[in-house]
Protein backbone atom coordinates (compact mmCIF):
# COMPACT_ATOMS: atom_id res chain seq x y z
CA UNK A 1 -35.39 23.06 12.60
CA UNK A 2 -34.25 21.05 15.63
CA UNK A 3 -31.26 19.80 13.66
CA UNK A 4 -30.38 23.29 12.42
CA UNK A 5 -30.27 24.54 16.02
CA UNK A 6 -27.43 22.13 16.83
CA UNK A 7 -23.74 22.88 16.39
CA UNK A 8 -23.14 20.00 13.95
CA UNK A 9 -24.48 21.74 10.79
CA UNK A 10 -22.24 24.72 11.56
CA UNK A 11 -19.21 22.44 11.81
CA UNK A 12 -20.01 20.61 8.58
CA UNK A 13 -20.61 23.76 6.52
CA UNK A 14 -17.52 25.47 7.91
CA UNK A 15 -15.27 22.52 7.08
CA UNK A 16 -16.76 22.05 3.62
CA UNK A 17 -16.06 25.68 2.80
CA UNK A 18 -12.66 25.57 4.46
CA UNK A 19 -11.35 22.54 2.53
CA UNK A 20 -12.37 24.16 -0.76
CA UNK A 21 -10.51 27.31 0.27
CA UNK A 22 -7.37 25.45 1.40
CA UNK A 23 -7.06 23.62 -1.91
CA UNK A 24 -7.61 26.86 -3.83
CA UNK A 25 -4.99 28.71 -1.77
CA UNK A 26 -2.41 25.93 -2.19
CA UNK A 27 -2.85 25.81 -5.97
CA UNK A 28 -2.97 29.59 -6.43
CA UNK A 29 0.24 30.01 -4.43
CA UNK A 30 1.86 27.22 -6.44
CA UNK A 31 0.90 28.87 -9.74
CA UNK A 32 2.08 32.31 -8.62
CA UNK A 33 5.42 30.84 -7.46
CA UNK A 34 6.20 29.11 -10.76
CA UNK A 35 8.46 31.94 -11.97
CA UNK A 36 10.19 32.60 -8.65
CA UNK A 37 13.97 32.99 -8.86
CA UNK A 38 16.56 33.06 -6.07
CA UNK A 39 20.34 33.35 -6.50
CA UNK A 40 22.10 30.01 -6.29
CA UNK A 41 18.90 27.95 -6.45
CA UNK A 42 17.46 25.87 -9.27
CA UNK A 43 14.02 26.86 -10.64
CA UNK A 44 12.34 24.03 -8.71
CA UNK A 45 14.12 24.91 -5.44
CA UNK A 46 13.23 28.57 -5.98
CA UNK A 47 9.58 27.59 -6.41
CA UNK A 48 9.70 25.51 -3.25
CA UNK A 49 11.29 28.38 -1.33
CA UNK A 50 8.64 30.84 -2.55
CA UNK A 51 5.82 28.49 -1.51
CA UNK A 52 7.24 27.75 1.93
CA UNK A 53 8.12 31.42 2.56
CA UNK A 54 4.55 32.42 1.74
CA UNK A 55 3.07 29.80 4.06
CA UNK A 56 5.52 30.74 6.81
CA UNK A 57 4.34 34.36 6.83
CA UNK A 58 0.68 33.49 6.22
CA UNK A 59 0.61 30.89 8.99
CA UNK A 60 2.29 33.20 11.49
CA UNK A 61 -0.28 35.94 10.81
CA UNK A 62 -3.17 33.46 11.05
CA UNK A 63 -1.86 32.01 14.31
CA UNK A 64 -0.82 35.08 16.27
CA UNK A 65 -3.20 37.85 15.29
CA UNK A 66 -6.11 36.06 17.05
CA UNK A 67 -4.46 35.69 20.48
CA UNK A 68 -5.99 38.74 22.18
CA UNK A 69 -9.35 38.50 20.35
CA UNK A 70 -9.57 34.81 21.29
CA UNK A 71 -8.95 35.59 24.97
CA UNK A 72 -11.65 38.27 24.87
CA UNK A 73 -14.09 35.89 23.20
CA UNK A 74 -13.32 33.20 25.80
CA UNK A 75 -14.16 35.69 28.56
CA UNK A 76 -17.40 36.58 26.79
CA UNK A 77 -18.22 32.88 26.43
CA UNK A 78 -17.71 32.19 30.13
CA UNK A 79 -20.09 35.04 30.95
CA UNK A 80 -22.85 33.12 29.17
CA UNK A 81 -22.57 34.29 25.55
CA UNK A 82 -21.60 30.85 24.26
CA UNK A 83 -22.40 31.46 20.60
CA UNK A 84 -20.28 34.59 20.13
CA UNK A 85 -16.94 32.68 19.88
CA UNK A 86 -18.56 30.45 17.26
CA UNK A 87 -20.26 33.12 15.15
CA UNK A 88 -17.71 35.96 15.13
CA UNK A 89 -14.79 33.92 13.69
CA UNK A 90 -17.09 32.71 10.92
CA UNK A 91 -17.32 36.33 9.78
CA UNK A 92 -13.52 36.35 9.60
CA UNK A 93 -13.56 33.14 7.57
CA UNK A 94 -15.92 34.79 5.09
CA UNK A 95 -13.74 37.91 4.69
CA UNK A 96 -10.54 35.92 4.09
CA UNK A 97 -12.23 33.81 1.41
CA UNK A 98 -13.44 36.98 -0.30
CA UNK A 99 -9.85 38.22 -0.24
CA UNK A 100 -8.59 35.16 -2.17
CA UNK A 101 -11.43 35.52 -4.68
CA UNK A 102 -10.29 39.12 -5.22
CA UNK A 103 -6.72 37.90 -5.79
CA UNK A 104 -7.85 35.36 -8.40
CA UNK A 105 -10.33 37.60 -10.25
CA UNK A 106 -8.32 40.84 -10.20
CA UNK A 107 -4.86 39.35 -10.62
CA UNK A 108 -3.60 40.97 -7.42
CA UNK A 109 -0.38 39.65 -5.83
CA UNK A 110 -0.87 36.69 -3.53
CA UNK A 111 0.61 38.75 -0.67
CA UNK A 112 -2.85 40.36 -0.39
CA UNK A 113 -3.76 37.20 1.50
CA UNK A 114 -1.67 38.41 4.42
CA UNK A 115 -4.29 41.13 4.86
CA UNK A 116 -7.05 38.56 4.61
CA UNK A 117 -5.29 36.48 7.25
CA UNK A 118 -5.05 39.54 9.51
CA UNK A 119 -8.80 40.19 9.24
CA UNK A 120 -9.44 36.54 9.98
CA UNK A 121 -7.23 36.80 13.06
CA UNK A 122 -9.02 39.88 14.38
CA UNK A 123 -12.25 37.87 14.43
CA UNK A 124 -10.71 35.31 16.79
CA UNK A 125 -9.54 32.83 14.17
CA UNK A 126 -9.73 29.08 14.26
CA UNK A 127 -8.60 28.96 17.90
CA UNK A 128 -11.60 30.93 19.13
CA UNK A 129 -13.99 29.11 16.79
CA UNK A 130 -12.89 25.60 17.75
CA UNK A 131 -12.71 26.44 21.46
CA UNK A 132 -16.25 27.81 21.16
CA UNK A 133 -17.44 24.65 19.42
CA UNK A 134 -15.77 22.42 22.04
CA UNK A 135 -17.35 24.48 24.83
CA UNK A 136 -20.80 23.97 23.32
CA UNK A 137 -20.12 20.24 22.97
CA UNK A 138 -18.78 20.00 26.54
CA UNK A 139 -21.86 21.71 27.96
CA UNK A 140 -24.12 19.41 25.96
CA UNK A 141 -22.56 16.16 27.25
CA UNK A 142 -21.85 14.48 30.56
CA UNK A 143 -18.30 13.86 31.78
CA UNK A 144 -18.64 10.16 30.94
CA UNK A 145 -19.69 10.78 27.34
CA UNK A 146 -17.65 13.92 26.67
CA UNK A 147 -14.70 12.28 24.93
CA UNK A 148 -17.04 10.38 22.61
CA UNK A 149 -19.04 13.55 21.90
CA UNK A 150 -15.88 15.45 21.00
CA UNK A 151 -14.71 12.64 18.74
CA UNK A 152 -18.14 12.67 17.05
CA UNK A 153 -17.58 16.33 16.26
CA UNK A 154 -14.13 15.47 14.89
CA UNK A 155 -15.77 12.73 12.80
CA UNK A 156 -18.27 15.11 11.22
CA UNK A 157 -15.46 17.60 10.66
CA UNK A 158 -13.45 14.91 8.91
CA UNK A 159 -16.27 13.62 6.74
CA UNK A 160 -17.05 17.15 5.60
CA UNK A 161 -13.37 17.68 4.86
CA UNK A 162 -13.17 14.40 2.97
CA UNK A 163 -16.12 15.31 0.74
CA UNK A 164 -14.87 18.85 0.21
CA UNK A 165 -11.34 17.73 -0.63
CA UNK A 166 -12.48 15.08 -3.11
CA UNK A 167 -14.38 17.64 -5.19
CA UNK A 168 -12.05 20.61 -4.62
CA UNK A 169 -9.48 19.68 -7.25
CA UNK A 170 -12.16 19.13 -9.88
CA UNK A 171 -13.92 22.41 -9.01
CA UNK A 172 -10.61 24.28 -9.26
CA UNK A 173 -10.21 23.16 -12.87
CA UNK A 174 -13.68 24.43 -13.85
CA UNK A 175 -13.54 27.72 -15.72
CA UNK A 176 -15.21 29.73 -18.47
CA UNK A 177 -13.97 32.43 -20.80
CA UNK A 178 -14.78 35.03 -18.14
CA UNK A 179 -13.89 32.99 -15.02
CA UNK A 180 -10.39 31.61 -14.53
CA UNK A 181 -9.25 28.53 -12.64
CA UNK A 182 -10.33 28.55 -9.00
CA UNK A 183 -13.08 31.16 -9.30
CA UNK A 184 -16.00 28.72 -9.19
CA UNK A 185 -14.34 26.81 -6.35
CA UNK A 186 -14.02 29.99 -4.28
CA UNK A 187 -17.58 31.14 -5.00
CA UNK A 188 -18.90 27.82 -3.67
CA UNK A 189 -16.66 28.14 -0.61
CA UNK A 190 -17.91 31.66 0.11
CA UNK A 191 -21.58 30.62 -0.19
CA UNK A 192 -20.99 27.76 2.27
CA UNK A 193 -19.33 30.11 4.78
CA UNK A 194 -22.15 32.62 4.41
CA UNK A 195 -24.78 29.96 5.11
CA UNK A 196 -22.74 28.73 8.07
CA UNK A 197 -22.55 32.25 9.53
CA UNK A 198 -26.32 32.72 9.22
CA UNK A 199 -26.96 29.43 11.04
CA UNK A 200 -24.63 30.39 13.89
CA UNK A 201 -26.13 33.85 14.31
CA UNK A 202 -29.84 33.12 14.05
CA UNK A 203 -30.45 29.41 14.79
CA UNK A 204 -27.68 27.88 16.92
CA UNK A 205 -28.88 26.95 20.41
CA UNK A 206 -26.68 25.97 23.37
CA UNK A 207 -27.90 23.44 25.94
CA UNK A 208 -26.23 22.49 29.20
CA UNK A 209 -26.52 18.89 30.37
CA UNK A 210 -26.35 18.22 34.09
CA UNK A 211 -24.69 15.23 35.67
CA UNK A 212 -27.94 13.33 35.47
CA UNK A 213 -28.16 13.82 31.73
CA UNK A 214 -31.09 16.25 31.61
CA UNK A 215 -30.55 19.63 30.12
CA UNK A 216 -32.23 22.77 28.96
CA UNK A 217 -31.34 25.61 26.67
CA UNK A 218 -28.71 27.90 28.09
CA UNK A 219 -29.41 30.48 25.40
CA UNK A 220 -32.65 31.19 23.59
CA UNK A 221 -33.35 33.11 20.42
CA UNK A 222 -30.66 34.40 18.10
CA UNK A 223 -27.19 35.66 18.85
CA UNK A 224 -28.11 39.32 19.11
CA UNK A 225 -30.72 38.89 21.83
CA UNK A 226 -29.28 39.96 25.17
CA UNK A 227 -31.87 39.43 27.95
CA UNK A 228 -30.39 37.14 30.59
CA UNK A 229 -27.35 36.03 28.62
CA UNK A 230 -25.08 38.57 30.27
CA UNK A 231 -25.33 36.84 33.64
CA UNK A 232 -22.27 34.76 34.49
CA UNK A 233 -22.69 31.02 34.49
CA UNK A 234 -23.00 29.93 38.13
CA UNK A 235 -21.80 26.53 39.25
CA UNK A 236 -20.55 24.98 42.43
CA UNK A 237 -16.81 25.34 42.82
CA UNK A 238 -14.71 22.35 41.86
CA UNK A 239 -11.03 21.59 42.36
CA UNK A 240 -8.45 21.96 39.60
CA UNK A 241 -5.71 19.34 39.22
CA UNK A 242 -2.94 21.74 38.29
CA UNK A 243 -0.30 19.04 37.71
CA UNK A 244 -2.48 17.14 35.24
CA UNK A 245 -3.47 20.38 33.51
CA UNK A 246 0.21 21.33 33.12
CA UNK A 247 1.11 17.88 31.78
CA UNK A 248 -1.76 18.00 29.29
CA UNK A 249 -0.60 21.40 28.05
CA UNK A 250 2.98 20.11 27.61
CA UNK A 251 1.80 17.02 25.73
CA UNK A 252 -0.49 19.08 23.51
CA UNK A 253 2.36 21.53 22.78
CA UNK A 254 4.80 18.77 21.76
CA UNK A 255 2.25 16.88 19.69
CA UNK A 256 1.04 19.99 17.90
CA UNK A 257 4.68 20.98 17.31
CA UNK A 258 5.23 17.64 15.56
CA UNK A 259 1.96 17.43 13.64
CA UNK A 260 1.83 21.09 12.66
CA UNK A 261 5.44 21.17 11.52
CA UNK A 262 5.10 18.04 9.40
CA UNK A 263 1.75 18.95 7.84
CA UNK A 264 2.88 22.49 7.01
CA UNK A 265 5.74 21.04 4.96
CA UNK A 266 3.54 18.49 3.18
CA UNK A 267 1.87 21.40 1.34
CA UNK A 268 5.11 22.06 -0.56
CA UNK A 269 6.49 18.49 -0.46
CA UNK A 270 3.73 17.02 -2.67
CA UNK A 271 4.21 19.74 -5.31
CA UNK A 272 7.91 19.00 -5.89
CA UNK A 273 9.57 16.13 -7.69
CA UNK A 274 9.26 13.18 -7.56
CA UNK A 275 5.54 13.55 -6.65
CA UNK A 276 4.73 16.75 -8.61
CA UNK A 277 0.98 16.61 -7.95
CA UNK A 278 -1.64 18.38 -10.09
CA UNK A 279 -4.89 19.98 -8.86
CA UNK A 280 -6.87 16.73 -8.78
CA UNK A 281 -4.12 14.88 -6.91
CA UNK A 282 -3.85 17.72 -4.39
CA UNK A 283 -7.57 17.36 -3.69
CA UNK A 284 -7.25 13.60 -3.27
CA UNK A 285 -4.26 14.04 -0.98
CA UNK A 286 -6.21 16.45 1.20
CA UNK A 287 -9.08 13.95 1.21
CA UNK A 288 -6.71 11.25 2.51
CA UNK A 289 -5.77 13.59 5.34
CA UNK A 290 -9.43 14.22 6.17
CA UNK A 291 -10.19 10.49 6.08
CA UNK A 292 -8.08 10.21 9.24
CA UNK A 293 -10.96 11.89 11.09
CA UNK A 294 -13.11 8.87 10.21
CA UNK A 295 -10.49 6.25 11.08
CA UNK A 296 -9.66 8.04 14.33
CA UNK A 297 -13.32 8.03 15.35
CA UNK A 298 -13.59 4.33 14.58
CA UNK A 299 -10.45 3.82 16.62
CA UNK A 300 -12.04 5.52 19.62
CA UNK A 301 -15.16 3.36 19.29
CA UNK A 302 -13.06 0.19 19.01
CA UNK A 303 -10.50 0.93 21.73
CA UNK A 304 -12.63 2.73 24.32
CA UNK A 305 -13.98 -0.51 25.72
CA UNK A 306 -10.53 -1.80 26.62
CA UNK A 307 -8.29 1.26 27.19
CA UNK A 308 -8.55 4.54 29.09
CA UNK A 309 -8.34 8.07 27.68
CA UNK A 310 -4.60 8.00 28.37
CA UNK A 311 -4.29 4.78 26.36
CA UNK A 312 -6.23 6.33 23.48
CA UNK A 313 -3.87 9.29 23.38
CA UNK A 314 -0.79 7.04 23.34
CA UNK A 315 -2.24 4.89 20.53
CA UNK A 316 -2.88 8.01 18.44
CA UNK A 317 0.58 9.43 19.06
CA UNK A 318 2.25 6.14 18.18
CA UNK A 319 0.20 5.97 14.97
CA UNK A 320 1.34 9.42 13.86
CA UNK A 321 4.96 8.82 14.88
CA UNK A 322 5.20 5.67 12.74
CA UNK A 323 3.39 7.12 9.73
CA UNK A 324 5.28 10.39 9.60
CA UNK A 325 8.59 8.53 10.03
CA UNK A 326 7.73 6.48 6.92
CA UNK A 327 6.84 9.74 5.13
CA UNK A 328 10.54 10.67 5.36
CA UNK A 329 11.31 8.15 2.63
CA UNK A 330 8.33 8.68 0.30
CA UNK A 331 9.29 8.91 -3.39
CA UNK A 332 6.01 7.91 -5.09
CA UNK A 333 2.32 8.68 -4.68
CA UNK A 334 1.43 5.16 -3.54
CA UNK A 335 4.05 5.47 -0.78
CA UNK A 336 2.44 8.73 0.34
CA UNK A 337 -0.92 7.01 0.80
CA UNK A 338 0.75 4.13 2.64
CA UNK A 339 2.34 6.60 5.04
CA UNK A 340 -1.06 8.25 5.53
CA UNK A 341 -2.55 4.82 6.23
CA UNK A 342 -0.13 4.36 9.12
CA UNK A 343 -1.37 7.64 10.66
CA UNK A 344 -4.98 6.41 10.69
CA UNK A 345 -5.35 7.14 14.46
CA UNK A 346 -3.37 10.39 14.48
CA UNK A 347 -6.37 12.59 15.32
CA UNK A 348 -7.33 10.74 18.50
CA UNK A 349 -4.91 12.61 20.84
CA UNK A 350 -6.07 16.24 20.61
CA UNK A 351 -9.84 15.82 21.24
CA UNK A 352 -9.04 13.31 23.98
CA UNK A 353 -6.61 15.76 25.55
CA UNK A 354 -9.36 18.41 25.44
CA UNK A 355 -11.75 15.95 27.05
CA UNK A 356 -9.28 15.17 29.85
CA UNK A 357 -8.64 18.88 30.31
CA UNK A 358 -12.35 19.64 30.68
CA UNK A 359 -12.50 17.00 33.42
CA UNK A 360 -9.82 18.82 35.42
CA UNK A 361 -11.66 22.17 35.64
CA UNK A 362 -15.22 23.32 36.54
CA UNK A 363 -17.61 23.95 33.65
CA UNK A 364 -17.53 27.70 34.31
CA UNK A 365 -13.91 27.63 33.08
CA UNK A 366 -14.43 25.43 30.00
CA UNK A 367 -14.22 28.35 27.57
CA UNK A 368 -11.14 29.87 29.19
CA UNK A 369 -9.24 26.59 29.61
CA UNK A 370 -9.91 25.38 26.06
CA UNK A 371 -9.00 28.79 24.62
CA UNK A 372 -5.77 28.85 26.65
CA UNK A 373 -4.98 25.44 25.20
CA UNK A 374 -5.54 26.78 21.68
CA UNK A 375 -3.25 29.73 22.44
CA UNK A 376 -0.61 27.32 23.73
CA UNK A 377 -0.81 25.57 20.37
CA UNK A 378 -0.31 28.92 18.67
CA UNK A 379 2.98 29.34 20.53
CA UNK A 380 3.91 25.87 19.32
CA UNK A 381 3.35 27.28 15.83
CA UNK A 382 5.68 30.17 16.60
CA UNK A 383 8.40 27.58 17.18
CA UNK A 384 7.70 24.96 14.52
CA UNK A 385 6.78 27.16 11.55
CA UNK A 386 10.16 28.90 11.14
CA UNK A 387 12.13 25.88 12.40
CA UNK A 388 10.57 23.32 10.05
CA UNK A 389 10.53 25.77 7.13
CA UNK A 390 14.25 26.56 7.39
CA UNK A 391 15.19 22.91 7.90
CA UNK A 392 13.09 21.88 4.89
CA UNK A 393 14.57 24.59 2.68
CA UNK A 394 18.09 23.67 3.79
CA UNK A 395 17.67 19.95 3.07
CA UNK A 396 15.80 20.11 -0.28
CA UNK A 397 18.79 18.82 -2.26
CA UNK A 398 19.86 15.91 -0.04
CA UNK A 399 17.05 14.82 2.36
CA UNK A 400 13.77 16.81 2.28
CA UNK A 401 12.16 14.14 4.47
CA UNK A 402 14.31 15.08 7.47
CA UNK A 403 11.53 17.32 8.82
CA UNK A 404 9.20 14.33 8.99
CA UNK A 405 11.77 12.30 10.92
CA UNK A 406 12.09 15.16 13.43
CA UNK A 407 8.29 15.28 13.76
CA UNK A 408 8.30 11.60 14.66
CA UNK A 409 10.89 12.26 17.37
CA UNK A 410 8.89 15.10 18.96
CA UNK A 411 5.77 12.93 18.94
CA UNK A 412 7.60 10.30 20.99
CA UNK A 413 8.63 13.04 23.44
CA UNK A 414 4.97 14.07 23.73
CA UNK A 415 4.11 10.57 24.90
CA UNK A 416 6.15 11.08 28.10
CA UNK A 417 3.82 13.55 29.94
CA UNK A 418 0.79 11.48 28.89
CA UNK A 419 2.40 8.40 30.41
CA UNK A 420 2.97 10.34 33.65
CA UNK A 421 -0.73 11.27 33.73
CA UNK A 422 -1.59 7.62 33.24
CA UNK A 423 0.50 6.83 36.31
CA UNK A 424 -0.96 9.68 38.41
CA UNK A 425 -4.67 9.13 37.72
CA UNK A 426 -4.96 5.74 39.50
CA UNK A 427 -3.06 7.19 42.48
CA UNK A 428 -5.46 10.13 42.64
CA UNK A 429 -8.50 7.86 42.42
CA UNK A 430 -7.22 5.68 45.25
CA UNK A 431 -6.52 8.80 47.36
CA UNK A 432 -10.04 10.15 46.77
CA UNK A 433 -11.50 6.74 47.63
CA UNK A 434 -9.60 6.72 50.95
CA UNK A 435 -10.86 10.21 51.76
CA UNK A 436 -14.39 9.13 50.92
CA UNK A 437 -14.16 6.17 53.27
């Protein structure tokens, strides 16, 4: 029971269910786009255009519908209701998965998923959920251990994604005379999300650790119990380093622009020639992506003893920049996995940026600051989704890897504000030491 009251089981179940859903959505969209036809385009280019157009609209709905709900949930979180931003989006996850099951079973057009994405967004979406999880983790760790705690969460998230992705392709192919391809996969995904929602509502407990490392439950009982939870969290005022906060937001925007743009195009890239992946290969490819969570965590453990948080971020950005640049020239499956190998530390930057951000603001603003960061990343999506989609569609015939080369360039640009922070932090520490003396 003590384990079930922690946030980790919620994260694992959510990611297991999510990876099954993502594989199912990718393959269903691919199947439904097989007969797409556009004037002046070959059948394969028409299929690629249909897939990327669907994901463009779907991703925009998923990213921008949750903005206002996420802000509201952040405000609720900072008033003491820490579990609401975790539990409510899980209800949205469940509804969107049910929508895809309805599409598969009833033969409805895949555009129905835009409605499922809208319902998911109204619940707060991934931005509210992940900000809520990071707030719980931040409260449960000291400033010294916060980066490691956040990376541990990323590790669990990655391991769950790795396991889910490895089996997702095989589960998609399971069918009976009454159940078509993908039905069993989606049923398992829905059951996992349902169990995850029940854990978050009735068992999840939030504890706040003080500077000395001792802590007690901030919330007792289940989510629906009000009692003292409505009281705002009270803490001594602390200064906010506005310059560092701004630089962290800029770096996060540029890095998410690069990573999000490249990854969103990989969904279609692996389905076209010369790769032309099947369901099992799609699952393995997604597993390779999730394995980066594990390698990034090991990278943090290995490098933390000799480099600062700023150094960790730069290592991760350099890893992604090199790997995604190599992806530009991939023409075989083994080359894809080699490119993924080069990005083995690519997931270090974002949790470390969140950790640095939480160190620049008082704990009473954790929920708001982390949610504002997630919303900033949504605006990055507003830029990169249409830009990368149109560039990819326009270069299909002569250089489809151009989008990956551009992603590498923007990653290098994102290293600039992080380098400035690395220069400012020692100056600030020396200044505070002088004031202390």
